Amino acid sequence: LPLLENTDTAEDNMKVTIIIICTTLVWTCTGKPQFPEQEKEPKFWNDWAQRTLKNALDLQELNKRIAKNAILFLGDGMGISTVTAARILKGQMTGQSGEEGQLEMDKFPYVALSKTYNTNAQ
């Protein structure tokens, strides 16, 4: 009989341990990501945008000459959501929250979007 009592106690201890572990995992996984306090203020984003714009303008001198050639990068399947996902992933892979990441093509002096359609299929 004493062996049976110890087995029941061991099973109870195991159940309590599993409940504690599961509760801790659920509590940890449901936590919201922490962002710096300054990101909650619009001034932070306005200043960041102004710095980014100034940096982009400082990368080049205004060119008043006529171009002989133009290089056009046309990325297929690079819609706004795909590019945004790539930007976020790159930021997260560097240990940031993601949105502040920058792709190389974001550094181009000129960027545009183009919608294309197929004429004989949808």
PDB file of N, CA and C in Angstrom:
ATOM      1  N   LEU A   1       0.801  -1.208   0.000  1.00  0.00           N
ATOM      2  CA  LEU A   1       0.000   0.000   0.000  1.00  0.00           C
ATOM      3  C   LEU A   1       0.841   1.268   0.000  1.00  0.00           C
ATOM      4  N   PRO A   2       1.964   1.340   0.722  1.00  0.00           N
ATOM      5  CA  PRO A   2       2.743   2.570   0.694  1.00  0.00           C
ATOM      6  C   PRO A   2       3.248   2.907  -0.714  1.00  0.00           C
ATOM      7  N   LEU A   3       3.530   1.888  -1.518  1.00  0.00           N
ATOM      8  CA  LEU A   3       3.969   2.164  -2.884  1.00  0.00           C
ATOM      9  C   LEU A   3       2.871   2.836  -3.690  1.00  0.00           C
ATOM     10  N   LEU A   4       1.624   2.412  -3.497  1.00  0.00           N
ATOM     11  CA  LEU A   4       0.511   3.013  -4.222  1.00  0.00           C
ATOM     12  C   LEU A   4       0.328   4.473  -3.817  1.00  0.00           C
ATOM     13  N   GLU A   5       0.501   4.791  -2.557  1.00  0.00           N
ATOM     14  CA  GLU A   5       0.366   6.177  -2.097  1.00  0.00           C
ATOM     15  C   GLU A   5       1.437   7.051  -2.742  1.00  0.00           C
ATOM     16  N   ASN A   6       2.661   6.578  -2.822  1.00  0.00           N
ATOM     17  CA  ASN A   6       3.749   7.342  -3.444  1.00  0.00           C
ATOM     18  C   ASN A   6       3.501   7.546  -4.928  1.00  0.00           C
ATOM     19  N   THR A   7       2.938   6.544  -5.589  1.00  0.00           N
ATOM     20  CA  THR A   7       2.638   6.659  -7.011  1.00  0.00           C
ATOM     21  C   THR A   7       1.594   7.730  -7.243  1.00  0.00           C
ATOM     22  N   ASP A   8       0.543   7.756  -6.411  1.00  0.00           N
ATOM     23  CA  ASP A   8      -0.487   8.788  -6.548  1.00  0.00           C
ATOM     24  C   ASP A   8       0.098  10.174  -6.313  1.00  0.00           C
ATOM     25  N   THR A   9       0.952  10.307  -5.342  1.00  0.00           N
ATOM     26  CA  THR A   9       1.584  11.598  -5.046  1.00  0.00           C
ATOM     27  C   THR A   9       2.484  12.015  -6.205  1.00  0.00           C
ATOM     28  N   ALA A  10       3.218  11.072  -6.765  1.00  0.00           N
ATOM     29  CA  ALA A  10       4.103  11.376  -7.895  1.00  0.00           C
ATOM     30  C   ALA A  10       3.277  11.819  -9.105  1.00  0.00           C
ATOM     31  N   GLU A  11       2.152  11.147  -9.340  1.00  0.00           N
ATOM     32  CA  GLU A  11       1.277  11.536 -10.461  1.00  0.00           C
ATOM     33  C   GLU A  11       0.695  12.928 -10.227  1.00  0.00           C
ATOM     34  N   ASP A  12       0.281  13.212  -8.993  1.00  0.00           N
ATOM     35  CA  ASP A  12      -0.255  14.536  -8.672  1.00  0.00           C
ATOM     36  C   ASP A  12       0.814  15.610  -8.880  1.00  0.00           C
ATOM     37  N   ASN A  13       2.027  15.323  -8.427  1.00  0.00           N
ATOM     38  CA  ASN A  13       3.126  16.282  -8.617  1.00  0.00           C
ATOM     39  C   ASN A  13       3.390  16.510 -10.106  1.00  0.00           C
ATOM     40  N   MET A  14       3.345  15.442 -10.884  1.00  0.00           N
ATOM     41  CA  MET A  14       3.577  15.554 -12.320  1.00  0.00           C
ATOM     42  C   MET A  14       2.482  16.405 -12.962  1.00  0.00           C
ATOM     43  N   LYS A  15       1.228  16.190 -12.572  1.00  0.00           N
ATOM     44  CA  LYS A  15       0.112  16.973 -13.120  1.00  0.00           C
ATOM     45  C   LYS A  15       0.260  18.453 -12.778  1.00  0.00           C
ATOM     46  N   VAL A  16       0.625  18.747 -11.541  1.00  0.00           N
ATOM     47  CA  VAL A  16       0.811  20.136 -11.114  1.00  0.00           C
ATOM     48  C   VAL A  16       1.954  20.772 -11.911  1.00  0.00           C
ATOM     49  N   THR A  17       3.035  20.026 -12.099  1.00  0.00           N
ATOM     50  CA  THR A  17       4.178  20.539 -12.859  1.00  0.00           C
ATOM     51  C   THR A  17       3.776  20.836 -14.302  1.00  0.00           C
ATOM     52  N   ILE A  18       3.036  19.943 -14.921  1.00  0.00           N
ATOM     53  CA  ILE A  18       2.587  20.144 -16.305  1.00  0.00           C
ATOM     54  C   ILE A  18       1.674  21.357 -16.391  1.00  0.00           C
ATOM     55  N   ILE A  19       0.773  21.517 -15.451  1.00  0.00           N
ATOM     56  CA  ILE A  19      -0.141  22.667 -15.440  1.00  0.00           C
ATOM     57  C   ILE A  19       0.656  23.969 -15.307  1.00  0.00           C
ATOM     58  N   ILE A  20       1.640  23.976 -14.433  1.00  0.00           N
ATOM     59  CA  ILE A  20       2.462  25.180 -14.249  1.00  0.00           C
ATOM     60  C   ILE A  20       3.231  25.510 -15.531  1.00  0.00           C
ATOM     61  N   ILE A  21       3.817  24.506 -16.151  1.00  0.00           N
ATOM     62  CA  ILE A  21       4.579  24.731 -17.385  1.00  0.00           C
ATOM     63  C   ILE A  21       3.663  25.252 -18.487  1.00  0.00           C
ATOM     64  N   CYS A  22       2.504  24.619 -18.658  1.00  0.00           N
ATOM     65  CA  CYS A  22       1.558  25.048 -19.707  1.00  0.00           C
ATOM     66  C   CYS A  22       1.070  26.473 -19.452  1.00  0.00           C
ATOM     67  N   THR A  23       0.744  26.782 -18.216  1.00  0.00           N
ATOM     68  CA  THR A  23       0.276  28.130 -17.872  1.00  0.00           C
ATOM     69  C   THR A  23       1.360  29.158 -18.161  1.00  0.00           C
ATOM     70  N   THR A  24       2.585  28.844 -17.811  1.00  0.00           N
ATOM     71  CA  THR A  24       3.707  29.759 -18.059  1.00  0.00           C
ATOM     72  C   THR A  24       3.900  29.971 -19.553  1.00  0.00           C
ATOM     73  N   LEU A  25       3.839  28.901 -20.351  1.00  0.00           N
ATOM     74  CA  LEU A  25       3.992  29.022 -21.800  1.00  0.00           C
ATOM     75  C   LEU A  25       2.881  29.876 -22.408  1.00  0.00           C
ATOM     76  N   VAL A  26       1.649  29.631 -22.001  1.00  0.00           N
ATOM     77  CA  VAL A  26       0.522  30.412 -22.528  1.00  0.00           C
ATOM     78  C   VAL A  26       0.670  31.874 -22.136  1.00  0.00           C
ATOM     79  N   TRP A  27       1.026  32.131 -20.895  1.00  0.00           N
ATOM     80  CA  TRP A  27       1.172  33.511 -20.410  1.00  0.00           C
ATOM     81  C   TRP A  27       2.292  34.228 -21.159  1.00  0.00           C
ATOM     82  N   THR A  28       3.402  33.524 -21.405  1.00  0.00           N
ATOM     83  CA  THR A  28       4.542  34.125 -22.103  1.00  0.00           C
ATOM     84  C   THR A  28       4.218  34.387 -23.566  1.00  0.00           C
ATOM     85  N   CYS A  29       3.550  33.454 -24.214  1.00  0.00           N
ATOM     86  CA  CYS A  29       3.263  33.577 -25.646  1.00  0.00           C
ATOM     87  C   CYS A  29       2.207  34.626 -25.952  1.00  0.00           C
ATOM     88  N   THR A  30       1.355  34.938 -25.012  1.00  0.00           N
ATOM     89  CA  THR A  30       0.289  35.906 -25.285  1.00  0.00           C
ATOM     90  C   THR A  30       0.711  37.328 -24.985  1.00  0.00           C
ATOM     91  N   GLY A  31       1.909  37.533 -24.513  1.00  0.00           N
ATOM     92  CA  GLY A  31       2.388  38.880 -24.210  1.00  0.00           C
ATOM     93  C   GLY A  31       2.549  39.702 -25.477  1.00  0.00           C
ATOM     94  N   LYS A  32       2.273  40.991 -25.379  1.00  0.00           N
ATOM     95  CA  LYS A  32       2.425  41.879 -26.526  1.00  0.00           C
ATOM     96  C   LYS A  32       3.894  42.269 -26.660  1.00  0.00           C
ATOM     97  N   PRO A  33       4.354  42.489 -27.921  1.00  0.00           N
ATOM     98  CA  PRO A  33       5.739  42.922 -28.069  1.00  0.00           C
ATOM     99  C   PRO A  33       5.942  44.301 -27.461  1.00  0.00           C
ATOM    100  N   GLN A  34       7.098  44.510 -26.901  1.00  0.00           N
ATOM    101  CA  GLN A  34       7.407  45.783 -26.268  1.00  0.00           C
ATOM    102  C   GLN A  34       8.074  46.714 -27.271  1.00  0.00           C
ATOM    103  N   PHE A  35       7.553  47.924 -27.400  1.00  0.00           N
ATOM    104  CA  PHE A  35       8.115  48.922 -28.289  1.00  0.00           C
ATOM    105  C   PHE A  35       8.596  50.099 -27.458  1.00  0.00           C
ATOM    106  N   PRO A  36       9.634  50.768 -27.914  1.00  0.00           N
ATOM    107  CA  PRO A  36      10.121  51.928 -27.170  1.00  0.00           C
ATOM    108  C   PRO A  36       9.024  52.981 -27.006  1.00  0.00           C
ATOM    109  N   GLU A  37       9.038  53.661 -25.877  1.00  0.00           N
ATOM    110  CA  GLU A  37       8.015  54.668 -25.563  1.00  0.00           C
ATOM    111  C   GLU A  37       7.972  55.785 -26.587  1.00  0.00           C
ATOM    112  N   GLN A  38       9.154  56.209 -27.106  1.00  0.00           N
ATOM    113  CA  GLN A  38       9.163  57.342 -28.023  1.00  0.00           C
ATOM    114  C   GLN A  38       8.406  57.037 -29.323  1.00  0.00           C
ATOM    115  N   GLU A  39       8.249  55.759 -29.676  1.00  0.00           N
ATOM    116  CA  GLU A  39       7.540  55.412 -30.897  1.00  0.00           C
ATOM    117  C   GLU A  39       6.042  55.690 -30.795  1.00  0.00           C
ATOM    118  N   LYS A  40       5.543  55.944 -29.605  1.00  0.00           N
ATOM    119  CA  LYS A  40       4.124  56.237 -29.419  1.00  0.00           C
ATOM    120  C   LYS A  40       3.802  57.689 -29.743  1.00  0.00           C
ATOM    121  N   GLU A  41       4.830  58.516 -29.879  1.00  0.00           N
ATOM    122  CA  GLU A  41       4.632  59.942 -30.144  1.00  0.00           C
ATOM    123  C   GLU A  41       4.753  60.235 -31.634  1.00  0.00           C
ATOM    124  N   PRO A  42       3.814  60.995 -32.214  1.00  0.00           N
ATOM    125  CA  PRO A  42       3.894  61.347 -33.643  1.00  0.00           C
ATOM    126  C   PRO A  42       5.185  62.099 -33.993  1.00  0.00           C
ATOM    127  N   LYS A  43       5.711  62.896 -33.054  1.00  0.00           N
ATOM    128  CA  LYS A  43       6.934  63.657 -33.309  1.00  0.00           C
ATOM    129  C   LYS A  43       8.103  62.725 -33.656  1.00  0.00           C
ATOM    130  N   PHE A  44       8.169  61.569 -33.019  1.00  0.00           N
ATOM    131  CA  PHE A  44       9.222  60.603 -33.312  1.00  0.00           C
ATOM    132  C   PHE A  44       9.189  60.225 -34.789  1.00  0.00           C
ATOM    133  N   TRP A  45       7.996  59.904 -35.290  1.00  0.00           N
ATOM    134  CA  TRP A  45       7.854  59.466 -36.681  1.00  0.00           C
ATOM    135  C   TRP A  45       8.071  60.616 -37.656  1.00  0.00           C
ATOM    136  N   ASN A  46       7.627  61.821 -37.294  1.00  0.00           N
ATOM    137  CA  ASN A  46       7.868  62.975 -38.165  1.00  0.00           C
ATOM    138  C   ASN A  46       9.363  63.264 -38.272  1.00  0.00           C
ATOM    139  N   ASP A  47      10.054  63.239 -37.145  1.00  0.00           N
ATOM    140  CA  ASP A  47      11.500  63.478 -37.158  1.00  0.00           C
ATOM    141  C   ASP A  47      12.230  62.386 -37.935  1.00  0.00           C
ATOM    142  N   TRP A  48      11.801  61.133 -37.740  1.00  0.00           N
ATOM    143  CA  TRP A  48      12.423  60.017 -38.457  1.00  0.00           C
ATOM    144  C   TRP A  48      12.224  60.174 -39.963  1.00  0.00           C
ATOM    145  N   ALA A  49      11.024  60.565 -40.382  1.00  0.00           N
ATOM    146  CA  ALA A  49      10.743  60.754 -41.809  1.00  0.00           C
ATOM    147  C   ALA A  49      11.592  61.887 -42.379  1.00  0.00           C
ATOM    148  N   GLN A  50      11.735  62.967 -41.633  1.00  0.00           N
ATOM    149  CA  GLN A  50      12.547  64.089 -42.100  1.00  0.00           C
ATOM    150  C   GLN A  50      14.016  63.688 -42.243  1.00  0.00           C
ATOM    151  N   ARG A  51      14.531  62.921 -41.280  1.00  0.00           N
ATOM    152  CA  ARG A  51      15.916  62.450 -41.369  1.00  0.00           C
ATOM    153  C   ARG A  51      16.106  61.539 -42.576  1.00  0.00           C
ATOM    154  N   THR A  52      15.153  60.636 -42.790  1.00  0.00           N
ATOM    155  CA  THR A  52      15.234  59.715 -43.922  1.00  0.00           C
ATOM    156  C   THR A  52      15.216  60.480 -45.236  1.00  0.00           C
ATOM    157  N   LEU A  53      14.337  61.458 -45.342  1.00  0.00           N
ATOM    158  CA  LEU A  53      14.257  62.267 -46.549  1.00  0.00           C
ATOM    159  C   LEU A  53      15.554  63.046 -46.766  1.00  0.00           C
ATOM    160  N   LYS A  54      16.087  63.640 -45.718  1.00  0.00           N
ATOM    161  CA  LYS A  54      17.341  64.391 -45.828  1.00  0.00           C
ATOM    162  C   LYS A  54      18.477  63.466 -46.255  1.00  0.00           C
ATOM    163  N   ASN A  55      18.556  62.275 -45.674  1.00  0.00           N
ATOM    164  CA  ASN A  55      19.600  61.316 -46.056  1.00  0.00           C
ATOM    165  C   ASN A  55      19.483  60.920 -47.515  1.00  0.00           C
ATOM    166  N   ALA A  56      18.260  60.714 -47.997  1.00  0.00           N
ATOM    167  CA  ALA A  56      18.056  60.345 -49.401  1.00  0.00           C
ATOM    168  C   ALA A  56      18.490  61.488 -50.320  1.00  0.00           C
ATOM    169  N   LEU A  57      18.181  62.719 -49.946  1.00  0.00           N
ATOM    170  CA  LEU A  57      18.574  63.863 -50.763  1.00  0.00           C
ATOM    171  C   LEU A  57      20.074  64.099 -50.718  1.00  0.00           C
ATOM    172  N   ASP A  58      20.703  63.789 -49.592  1.00  0.00           N
ATOM    173  CA  ASP A  58      22.154  63.981 -49.459  1.00  0.00           C
ATOM    174  C   ASP A  58      22.950  62.940 -50.238  1.00  0.00           C
ATOM    175  N   LEU A  59      22.313  61.840 -50.626  1.00  0.00           N
ATOM    176  CA  LEU A  59      23.012  60.786 -51.351  1.00  0.00           C
ATOM    177  C   LEU A  59      23.405  61.217 -52.762  1.00  0.00           C
ATOM    178  N   GLN A  60      22.774  62.231 -53.268  1.00  0.00           N
ATOM    179  CA  GLN A  60      23.018  62.605 -54.656  1.00  0.00           C
ATOM    180  C   GLN A  60      23.070  64.121 -54.811  1.00  0.00           C
ATOM    181  N   GLU A  61      23.807  64.529 -55.802  1.00  0.00           N
ATOM    182  CA  GLU A  61      23.763  65.920 -56.204  1.00  0.00           C
ATOM    183  C   GLU A  61      22.696  66.028 -57.277  1.00  0.00           C
ATOM    184  N   LEU A  62      22.026  67.142 -57.315  1.00  0.00           N
ATOM    185  CA  LEU A  62      21.015  67.311 -58.354  1.00  0.00           C
ATOM    186  C   LEU A  62      21.700  67.321 -59.713  1.00  0.00           C
ATOM    187  N   ASN A  63      21.259  66.440 -60.576  1.00  0.00           N
ATOM    188  CA  ASN A  63      21.871  66.261 -61.886  1.00  0.00           C
ATOM    189  C   ASN A  63      21.025  66.994 -62.917  1.00  0.00           C
ATOM    190  N   LYS A  64      21.639  67.916 -63.623  1.00  0.00           N
ATOM    191  CA  LYS A  64      20.908  68.677 -64.641  1.00  0.00           C
ATOM    192  C   LYS A  64      21.302  68.243 -66.051  1.00  0.00           C
ATOM    193  N   ARG A  65      22.079  67.179 -66.145  1.00  0.00           N
ATOM    194  CA  ARG A  65      22.509  66.693 -67.451  1.00  0.00           C
ATOM    195  C   ARG A  65      21.448  65.759 -68.028  1.00  0.00           C
ATOM    196  N   ILE A  66      21.514  65.506 -69.310  1.00  0.00           N
ATOM    197  CA  ILE A  66      20.575  64.597 -69.977  1.00  0.00           C
ATOM    198  C   ILE A  66      21.167  63.187 -69.945  1.00  0.00           C
ATOM    199  N   ALA A  67      20.372  62.233 -69.527  1.00  0.00           N
ATOM    200  CA  ALA A  67      20.831  60.847 -69.427  1.00  0.00           C
ATOM    201  C   ALA A  67      20.921  60.211 -70.803  1.00  0.00           C
ATOM    202  N   LYS A  68      21.971  59.393 -70.999  1.00  0.00           N
ATOM    203  CA  LYS A  68      22.096  58.630 -72.244  1.00  0.00           C
ATOM    204  C   LYS A  68      21.319  57.317 -72.127  1.00  0.00           C
ATOM    205  N   ASN A  69      21.287  56.774 -70.923  1.00  0.00           N
ATOM    206  CA  ASN A  69      20.627  55.491 -70.696  1.00  0.00           C
ATOM    207  C   ASN A  69      19.854  55.560 -69.386  1.00  0.00           C
ATOM    208  N   ALA A  70      18.911  54.671 -69.252  1.00  0.00           N
ATOM    209  CA  ALA A  70      18.174  54.534 -67.999  1.00  0.00           C
ATOM    210  C   ALA A  70      18.107  53.051 -67.651  1.00  0.00           C
ATOM    211  N   ILE A  71      18.239  52.761 -66.385  1.00  0.00           N
ATOM    212  CA  ILE A  71      18.137  51.372 -65.927  1.00  0.00           C
ATOM    213  C   ILE A  71      16.812  51.241 -65.191  1.00  0.00           C
ATOM    214  N   LEU A  72      16.024  50.282 -65.601  1.00  0.00           N
ATOM    215  CA  LEU A  72      14.708  50.067 -65.005  1.00  0.00           C
ATOM    216  C   LEU A  72      14.694  48.678 -64.366  1.00  0.00           C
ATOM    217  N   PHE A  73      14.509  48.626 -63.062  1.00  0.00           N
ATOM    218  CA  PHE A  73      14.343  47.369 -62.354  1.00  0.00           C
ATOM    219  C   PHE A  73      12.856  47.093 -62.283  1.00  0.00           C
ATOM    220  N   LEU A  74      12.420  46.016 -62.884  1.00  0.00           N
ATOM    221  CA  LEU A  74      11.006  45.661 -62.856  1.00  0.00           C
ATOM    222  C   LEU A  74      10.894  44.315 -62.137  1.00  0.00           C
ATOM    223  N   GLY A  75      10.463  44.364 -60.897  1.00  0.00           N
ATOM    224  CA  GLY A  75      10.357  43.144 -60.106  1.00  0.00           C
ATOM    225  C   GLY A  75       8.974  42.533 -60.249  1.00  0.00           C
ATOM    226  N   ASP A  76       8.921  41.298 -60.678  1.00  0.00           N
ATOM    227  CA  ASP A  76       7.641  40.615 -60.840  1.00  0.00           C
ATOM    228  C   ASP A  76       7.202  40.051 -59.496  1.00  0.00           C
ATOM    229  N   GLY A  77       5.942  40.262 -59.142  1.00  0.00           N
ATOM    230  CA  GLY A  77       5.414  39.730 -57.893  1.00  0.00           C
ATOM    231  C   GLY A  77       5.891  40.496 -56.676  1.00  0.00           C
ATOM    232  N   MET A  78       6.244  41.753 -56.861  1.00  0.00           N
ATOM    233  CA  MET A  78       6.744  42.551 -55.753  1.00  0.00           C
ATOM    234  C   MET A  78       5.739  43.631 -55.395  1.00  0.00           C
ATOM    235  N   GLY A  79       4.559  43.199 -55.024  1.00  0.00           N
ATOM    236  CA  GLY A  79       3.528  44.135 -54.594  1.00  0.00           C
ATOM    237  C   GLY A  79       3.871  44.744 -53.248  1.00  0.00           C
ATOM    238  N   ILE A  80       3.071  45.693 -52.834  1.00  0.00           N
ATOM    239  CA  ILE A  80       3.327  46.404 -51.581  1.00  0.00           C
ATOM    240  C   ILE A  80       3.400  45.439 -50.404  1.00  0.00           C
ATOM    241  N   SER A  81       2.480  44.488 -50.344  1.00  0.00           N
ATOM    242  CA  SER A  81       2.469  43.572 -49.198  1.00  0.00           C
ATOM    243  C   SER A  81       3.696  42.662 -49.192  1.00  0.00           C
ATOM    244  N   THR A  82       4.154  42.212 -50.363  1.00  0.00           N
ATOM    245  CA  THR A  82       5.332  41.340 -50.439  1.00  0.00           C
ATOM    246  C   THR A  82       6.591  42.095 -50.037  1.00  0.00           C
ATOM    247  N   VAL A  83       6.737  43.310 -50.542  1.00  0.00           N
ATOM    248  CA  VAL A  83       7.912  44.116 -50.215  1.00  0.00           C
ATOM    249  C   VAL A  83       7.902  44.478 -48.727  1.00  0.00           C
ATOM    250  N   THR A  84       6.729  44.804 -48.191  1.00  0.00           N
ATOM    251  CA  THR A  84       6.624  45.122 -46.767  1.00  0.00           C
ATOM    252  C   THR A  84       7.004  43.907 -45.923  1.00  0.00           C
ATOM    253  N   ALA A  85       6.529  42.727 -46.317  1.00  0.00           N
ATOM    254  CA  ALA A  85       6.876  41.504 -45.579  1.00  0.00           C
ATOM    255  C   ALA A  85       8.381  41.261 -45.609  1.00  0.00           C
ATOM    256  N   ALA A  86       9.006  41.491 -46.756  1.00  0.00           N
ATOM    257  CA  ALA A  86      10.455  41.313 -46.869  1.00  0.00           C
ATOM    258  C   ALA A  86      11.189  42.322 -45.987  1.00  0.00           C
ATOM    259  N   ARG A  87      10.707  43.551 -45.955  1.00  0.00           N
ATOM    260  CA  ARG A  87      11.322  44.604 -45.135  1.00  0.00           C
ATOM    261  C   ARG A  87      11.222  44.241 -43.647  1.00  0.00           C
ATOM    262  N   ILE A  88      10.046  43.772 -43.225  1.00  0.00           N
ATOM    263  CA  ILE A  88       9.844  43.393 -41.825  1.00  0.00           C
ATOM    264  C   ILE A  88      10.735  42.207 -41.461  1.00  0.00           C
ATOM    265  N   LEU A  89      10.785  41.212 -42.346  1.00  0.00           N
ATOM    266  CA  LEU A  89      11.636  40.043 -42.077  1.00  0.00           C
ATOM    267  C   LEU A  89      13.091  40.455 -41.937  1.00  0.00           C
ATOM    268  N   LYS A  90      13.568  41.307 -42.836  1.00  0.00           N
ATOM    269  CA  LYS A  90      14.964  41.749 -42.756  1.00  0.00           C
ATOM    270  C   LYS A  90      15.218  42.458 -41.428  1.00  0.00           C
ATOM    271  N   GLY A  91      14.288  43.314 -40.998  1.00  0.00           N
ATOM    272  CA  GLY A  91      14.446  44.000 -39.717  1.00  0.00           C
ATOM    273  C   GLY A  91      14.451  43.037 -38.549  1.00  0.00           C
ATOM    274  N   GLN A  92      13.556  42.056 -38.574  1.00  0.00           N
ATOM    275  CA  GLN A  92      13.492  41.087 -37.484  1.00  0.00           C
ATOM    276  C   GLN A  92      14.728  40.206 -37.435  1.00  0.00           C
ATOM    277  N   MET A  93      15.317  39.937 -38.589  1.00  0.00           N
ATOM    278  CA  MET A  93      16.521  39.103 -38.618  1.00  0.00           C
ATOM    279  C   MET A  93      17.733  39.839 -38.054  1.00  0.00           C
ATOM    280  N   THR A  94      17.634  41.161 -37.931  1.00  0.00           N
ATOM    281  CA  THR A  94      18.719  41.933 -37.315  1.00  0.00           C
ATOM    282  C   THR A  94      18.403  42.249 -35.862  1.00  0.00           C
ATOM    283  N   GLY A  95      17.358  41.629 -35.301  1.00  0.00           N
ATOM    284  CA  GLY A  95      17.034  41.785 -33.889  1.00  0.00           C
ATOM    285  C   GLY A  95      16.134  42.964 -33.576  1.00  0.00           C
ATOM    286  N   GLN A  96      15.568  43.596 -34.602  1.00  0.00           N
ATOM    287  CA  GLN A  96      14.663  44.717 -34.386  1.00  0.00           C
ATOM    288  C   GLN A  96      13.229  44.212 -34.462  1.00  0.00           C
ATOM    289  N   SER A  97      12.266  45.120 -34.246  1.00  0.00           N
ATOM    290  CA  SER A  97      10.869  44.686 -34.317  1.00  0.00           C
ATOM    291  C   SER A  97      10.439  44.446 -35.764  1.00  0.00           C
ATOM    292  N   GLY A  98      11.098  45.082 -36.718  1.00  0.00           N
ATOM    293  CA  GLY A  98      10.835  44.762 -38.117  1.00  0.00           C
ATOM    294  C   GLY A  98      10.529  45.940 -39.003  1.00  0.00           C
ATOM    295  N   GLU A  99       9.612  46.808 -38.588  1.00  0.00           N
ATOM    296  CA  GLU A  99       9.161  47.879 -39.466  1.00  0.00           C
ATOM    297  C   GLU A  99      10.252  48.881 -39.809  1.00  0.00           C
ATOM    298  N   GLU A 100      11.247  49.006 -38.946  1.00  0.00           N
ATOM    299  CA  GLU A 100      12.292  49.994 -39.209  1.00  0.00           C
ATOM    300  C   GLU A 100      13.360  49.459 -40.158  1.00  0.00           C
ATOM    301  N   GLY A 101      13.213  48.218 -40.606  1.00  0.00           N
ATOM    302  CA  GLY A 101      14.168  47.654 -41.559  1.00  0.00           C
ATOM    303  C   GLY A 101      14.101  48.380 -42.889  1.00  0.00           C
ATOM    304  N   GLN A 102      15.194  48.318 -43.641  1.00  0.00           N
ATOM    305  CA  GLN A 102      15.237  48.987 -44.932  1.00  0.00           C
ATOM    306  C   GLN A 102      15.873  48.051 -45.949  1.00  0.00           C
ATOM    307  N   LEU A 103      15.194  47.882 -47.074  1.00  0.00           N
ATOM    308  CA  LEU A 103      15.739  47.073 -48.157  1.00  0.00           C
ATOM    309  C   LEU A 103      16.677  47.929 -48.992  1.00  0.00           C
ATOM    310  N   GLU A 104      17.537  47.278 -49.761  1.00  0.00           N
ATOM    311  CA  GLU A 104      18.470  48.035 -50.603  1.00  0.00           C
ATOM    312  C   GLU A 104      17.711  48.898 -51.605  1.00  0.00           C
ATOM    313  N   MET A 105      16.613  48.373 -52.130  1.00  0.00           N
ATOM    314  CA  MET A 105      15.874  49.165 -53.123  1.00  0.00           C
ATOM    315  C   MET A 105      15.187  50.380 -52.489  1.00  0.00           C
ATOM    316  N   ASP A 106      15.027  50.385 -51.173  1.00  0.00           N
ATOM    317  CA  ASP A 106      14.482  51.564 -50.491  1.00  0.00           C
ATOM    318  C   ASP A 106      15.469  52.722 -50.533  1.00  0.00           C
ATOM    319  N   LYS A 107      16.730  52.421 -50.793  1.00  0.00           N
ATOM    320  CA  LYS A 107      17.769  53.445 -50.833  1.00  0.00           C
ATOM    321  C   LYS A 107      17.922  54.070 -52.220  1.00  0.00           C
ATOM    322  N   PHE A 108      17.226  53.519 -53.220  1.00  0.00           N
ATOM    323  CA  PHE A 108      17.294  54.101 -54.560  1.00  0.00           C
ATOM    324  C   PHE A 108      16.750  55.525 -54.519  1.00  0.00           C
ATOM    325  N   PRO A 109      17.313  56.415 -55.315  1.00  0.00           N
ATOM    326  CA  PRO A 109      16.829  57.800 -55.292  1.00  0.00           C
ATOM    327  C   PRO A 109      15.403  57.935 -55.841  1.00  0.00           C
ATOM    328  N   TYR A 110      15.017  57.063 -56.733  1.00  0.00           N
ATOM    329  CA  TYR A 110      13.667  57.112 -57.307  1.00  0.00           C
ATOM    330  C   TYR A 110      13.065  55.715 -57.293  1.00  0.00           C
ATOM    331  N   VAL A 111      11.840  55.614 -56.823  1.00  0.00           N
ATOM    332  CA  VAL A 111      11.137  54.335 -56.779  1.00  0.00           C
ATOM    333  C   VAL A 111       9.697  54.589 -57.208  1.00  0.00           C
ATOM    334  N   ALA A 112       9.114  53.649 -57.922  1.00  0.00           N
ATOM    335  CA  ALA A 112       7.728  53.796 -58.366  1.00  0.00           C
ATOM    336  C   ALA A 112       7.042  52.435 -58.336  1.00  0.00           C
ATOM    337  N   LEU A 113       5.737  52.466 -58.373  1.00  0.00           N
ATOM    338  CA  LEU A 113       4.943  51.241 -58.463  1.00  0.00           C
ATOM    339  C   LEU A 113       4.263  51.203 -59.821  1.00  0.00           C
ATOM    340  N   SER A 114       4.088  50.012 -60.341  1.00  0.00           N
ATOM    341  CA  SER A 114       3.436  49.851 -61.632  1.00  0.00           C
ATOM    342  C   SER A 114       2.494  48.666 -61.557  1.00  0.00           C
ATOM    343  N   LYS A 115       1.293  48.840 -62.053  1.00  0.00           N
ATOM    344  CA  LYS A 115       0.336  47.733 -62.133  1.00  0.00           C
ATOM    345  C   LYS A 115       0.331  47.230 -63.557  1.00  0.00           C
ATOM    346  N   THR A 116       0.408  45.927 -63.687  1.00  0.00           N
ATOM    347  CA  THR A 116       0.371  45.340 -65.035  1.00  0.00           C
ATOM    348  C   THR A 116      -0.781  44.352 -65.119  1.00  0.00           C
ATOM    349  N   TYR A 117      -1.297  44.197 -66.313  1.00  0.00           N
ATOM    350  CA  TYR A 117      -2.416  43.290 -66.545  1.00  0.00           C
ATOM    351  C   TYR A 117      -2.140  42.441 -67.759  1.00  0.00           C
ATOM    352  N   ASN A 118      -2.626  41.222 -67.715  1.00  0.00           N
ATOM    353  CA  ASN A 118      -2.531  40.325 -68.840  1.00  0.00           C
ATOM    354  C   ASN A 118      -3.715  40.621 -69.761  1.00  0.00           C
ATOM    355  N   THR A 119      -3.505  40.582 -71.061  1.00  0.00           N
ATOM    356  CA  THR A 119      -4.595  40.924 -71.995  1.00  0.00           C
ATOM    357  C   THR A 119      -5.470  39.742 -72.346  1.00  0.00           C
ATOM    358  N   ASN A 120      -5.003  38.513 -72.145  1.00  0.00           N
ATOM    359  CA  ASN A 120      -5.791  37.363 -72.583  1.00  0.00           C
ATOM    360  C   ASN A 120      -6.140  36.389 -71.441  1.00  0.00           C
ATOM    361  N   ALA A 121      -5.921  36.777 -70.221  1.00  0.00           N
ATOM    362  CA  ALA A 121      -6.251  35.904 -69.094  1.00  0.00           C
ATOM    363  C   ALA A 121      -6.373  36.758 -67.859  1.00  0.00           C
ATOM    364  N   GLN A 122      -6.910  36.135 -66.813  1.00  0.00           N
ATOM    365  CA  GLN A 122      -7.031  36.879 -65.571  1.00  0.00           C
ATOM    366  C   GLN A 122      -6.050  36.381 -64.559  1.00  0.00           C
TER     367      GLN A 122
END
